[in-house]
Protein backbone atom coordinates (compact mmCIF):
# COMPACT_ATOMS: atom_id res chain seq x y z
CA MET A 1 -16.20 73.74 -68.68
CA ASP A 2 -19.10 72.77 -66.62
CA SER A 3 -17.84 69.26 -66.52
CA MET A 4 -14.50 70.53 -65.28
CA LYS A 5 -16.20 72.52 -62.57
CA GLY A 6 -18.23 69.46 -61.69
CA GLN A 7 -15.10 67.31 -61.48
CA GLY A 8 -13.34 69.89 -59.44
CA GLY A 9 -16.35 70.21 -57.16
CA ILE A 10 -16.54 66.44 -56.72
CA GLN A 11 -12.79 66.33 -56.01
CA MET A 12 -13.16 69.05 -53.43
CA LEU A 13 -16.03 67.15 -51.75
CA LEU A 14 -13.95 63.89 -51.70
CA THR A 15 -11.00 65.78 -50.20
CA ALA A 16 -13.23 67.45 -47.63
CA GLU A 17 -14.80 64.09 -46.73
CA GLN A 18 -11.35 62.54 -46.26
CA GLU A 19 -10.27 65.44 -44.06
CA ALA A 20 -13.47 65.08 -42.03
CA GLN A 21 -12.83 61.38 -41.56
CA GLN A 22 -9.34 62.08 -40.47
CA ILE A 23 -10.60 64.68 -37.95
CA ILE A 24 -13.24 62.27 -36.66
CA SER A 25 -10.63 59.45 -36.38
CA SER A 26 -8.27 61.76 -34.54
CA ALA A 27 -11.11 62.85 -32.18
CA LYS A 28 -12.03 59.22 -31.49
CA ASN A 29 -8.44 58.34 -30.77
CA LEU A 30 -8.13 61.33 -28.36
CA LYS A 31 -11.39 60.35 -26.67
CA LEU A 32 -10.19 56.75 -26.25
CA ALA A 33 -6.88 57.96 -24.85
CA ARG A 34 -8.69 60.23 -22.37
CA LEU A 35 -11.04 57.40 -21.29
CA LYS A 36 -8.04 55.13 -20.77
CA GLN A 37 -6.30 57.77 -18.76
CA ALA A 38 -9.44 58.39 -16.67
CA LYS A 39 -9.82 54.66 -16.09
CA GLU A 40 -6.19 54.40 -14.92
CA GLU A 41 -6.55 57.40 -12.59
CA ALA A 42 -9.82 55.93 -11.13
CA GLU A 43 -8.08 52.58 -10.56
CA ARG A 44 -5.18 54.36 -8.77
CA ASP A 45 -7.72 56.27 -6.64
CA VAL A 46 -9.55 53.06 -5.78
CA LYS A 47 -6.33 51.30 -4.82
CA LEU A 48 -5.23 54.26 -2.76
CA TYR A 49 -8.61 54.38 -1.01
CA GLN A 50 -8.59 50.62 -0.40
CA SER A 51 -5.08 50.75 1.10
CA ASN A 52 -6.07 53.69 3.35
CA MET A 53 -9.16 51.86 4.50
CA GLU A 54 -7.19 48.66 5.11
CA ALA A 55 -4.59 50.54 7.09
CA ALA A 56 -7.29 52.18 9.18
CA TYR A 57 -8.93 48.83 9.72
CA GLN A 58 -5.66 47.14 10.75
CA LYS A 59 -4.94 50.05 13.14
CA LYS A 60 -8.36 49.68 14.68
CA VAL A 61 -7.91 45.91 14.99
CA SER A 62 -4.54 46.31 16.62
CA GLU A 63 -5.85 48.90 19.03
CA THR A 64 -8.81 46.78 20.10
CA SER A 65 -6.82 43.59 20.37
CA GLY A 66 -4.15 45.31 22.41
CA SER A 67 -6.71 46.69 24.72
CA SER A 68 -8.59 43.41 24.99
CA GLY A 69 -5.43 41.92 26.50
CA SER A 70 -5.37 44.64 29.10
CA ASN A 71 -9.16 44.20 29.56
CA VAL A 72 -8.61 40.50 30.29
CA LYS A 73 -5.90 41.29 32.79
CA ARG A 74 -8.04 43.96 34.51
CA LEU A 75 -11.05 41.61 34.66
CA ASP A 76 -8.87 38.86 36.12
CA GLU A 77 -7.62 41.22 38.83
CA GLU A 78 -11.16 42.41 39.61
CA THR A 79 -12.42 38.83 39.77
CA ALA A 80 -9.62 37.82 42.13
CA ILE A 81 -10.42 40.77 44.41
CA LYS A 82 -14.17 39.89 44.46
CA ILE A 83 -13.42 36.20 45.15
CA GLN A 84 -11.10 37.20 48.00
CA SER A 85 -13.77 39.55 49.41
CA LEU A 86 -16.52 36.87 49.23
CA THR A 87 -14.18 34.30 50.90
CA GLU A 88 -13.44 36.73 53.76
CA SER A 89 -17.18 37.49 54.14
CA ALA A 90 -17.99 33.77 54.24
CA ASN A 91 -15.24 33.13 56.82
CA ARG A 92 -16.63 35.95 59.03
CA VAL A 93 -20.19 34.72 59.06
CA SER A 94 -19.69 30.99 58.78
CA SER A 95 -19.57 30.46 62.51
CA ASP A 96 -22.76 32.50 62.96
CA VAL A 97 -24.48 30.57 60.23
CA VAL A 98 -23.45 27.22 61.67
CA ALA A 99 -24.70 28.26 65.11
CA MET A 100 -28.00 29.43 63.70
CA LEU A 101 -28.43 26.16 61.82
CA ILE A 102 -27.68 24.05 64.87
CA LYS A 103 -30.11 26.14 66.96
CA HIS A 104 -32.91 25.66 64.44
CA VAL A 105 -32.24 21.97 63.91
CA THR A 106 -31.99 21.12 67.62
CA THR A 107 -34.90 23.26 68.76
CA VAL A 108 -38.08 21.26 68.90
CA LYS A 109 -41.36 23.21 68.45
CA ALA A 110 -44.39 21.94 70.21
């Protein structure tokens, strides 16, 4: 009878070991599935973040390039106004400058 008990005990241990292996295998498979799911979610989050950042960058670029065109126009207008102002100033004082130069060139100092 002891040998029967021993055989039955061994058989129970083998069955318990098989069940434990099945539980471990199932847990590993669940863990792998969760890791795969987490990786996919992380990749989706990264792609979403990248697309948001790219959209923000493109918006910023379009805003600055649009305003740079208006900046160029504004600077052209300001430059034209300054050139006109300097030309008018030069025209006003040119006769005085010529007279002063002629006076100093023709005056002989002893």
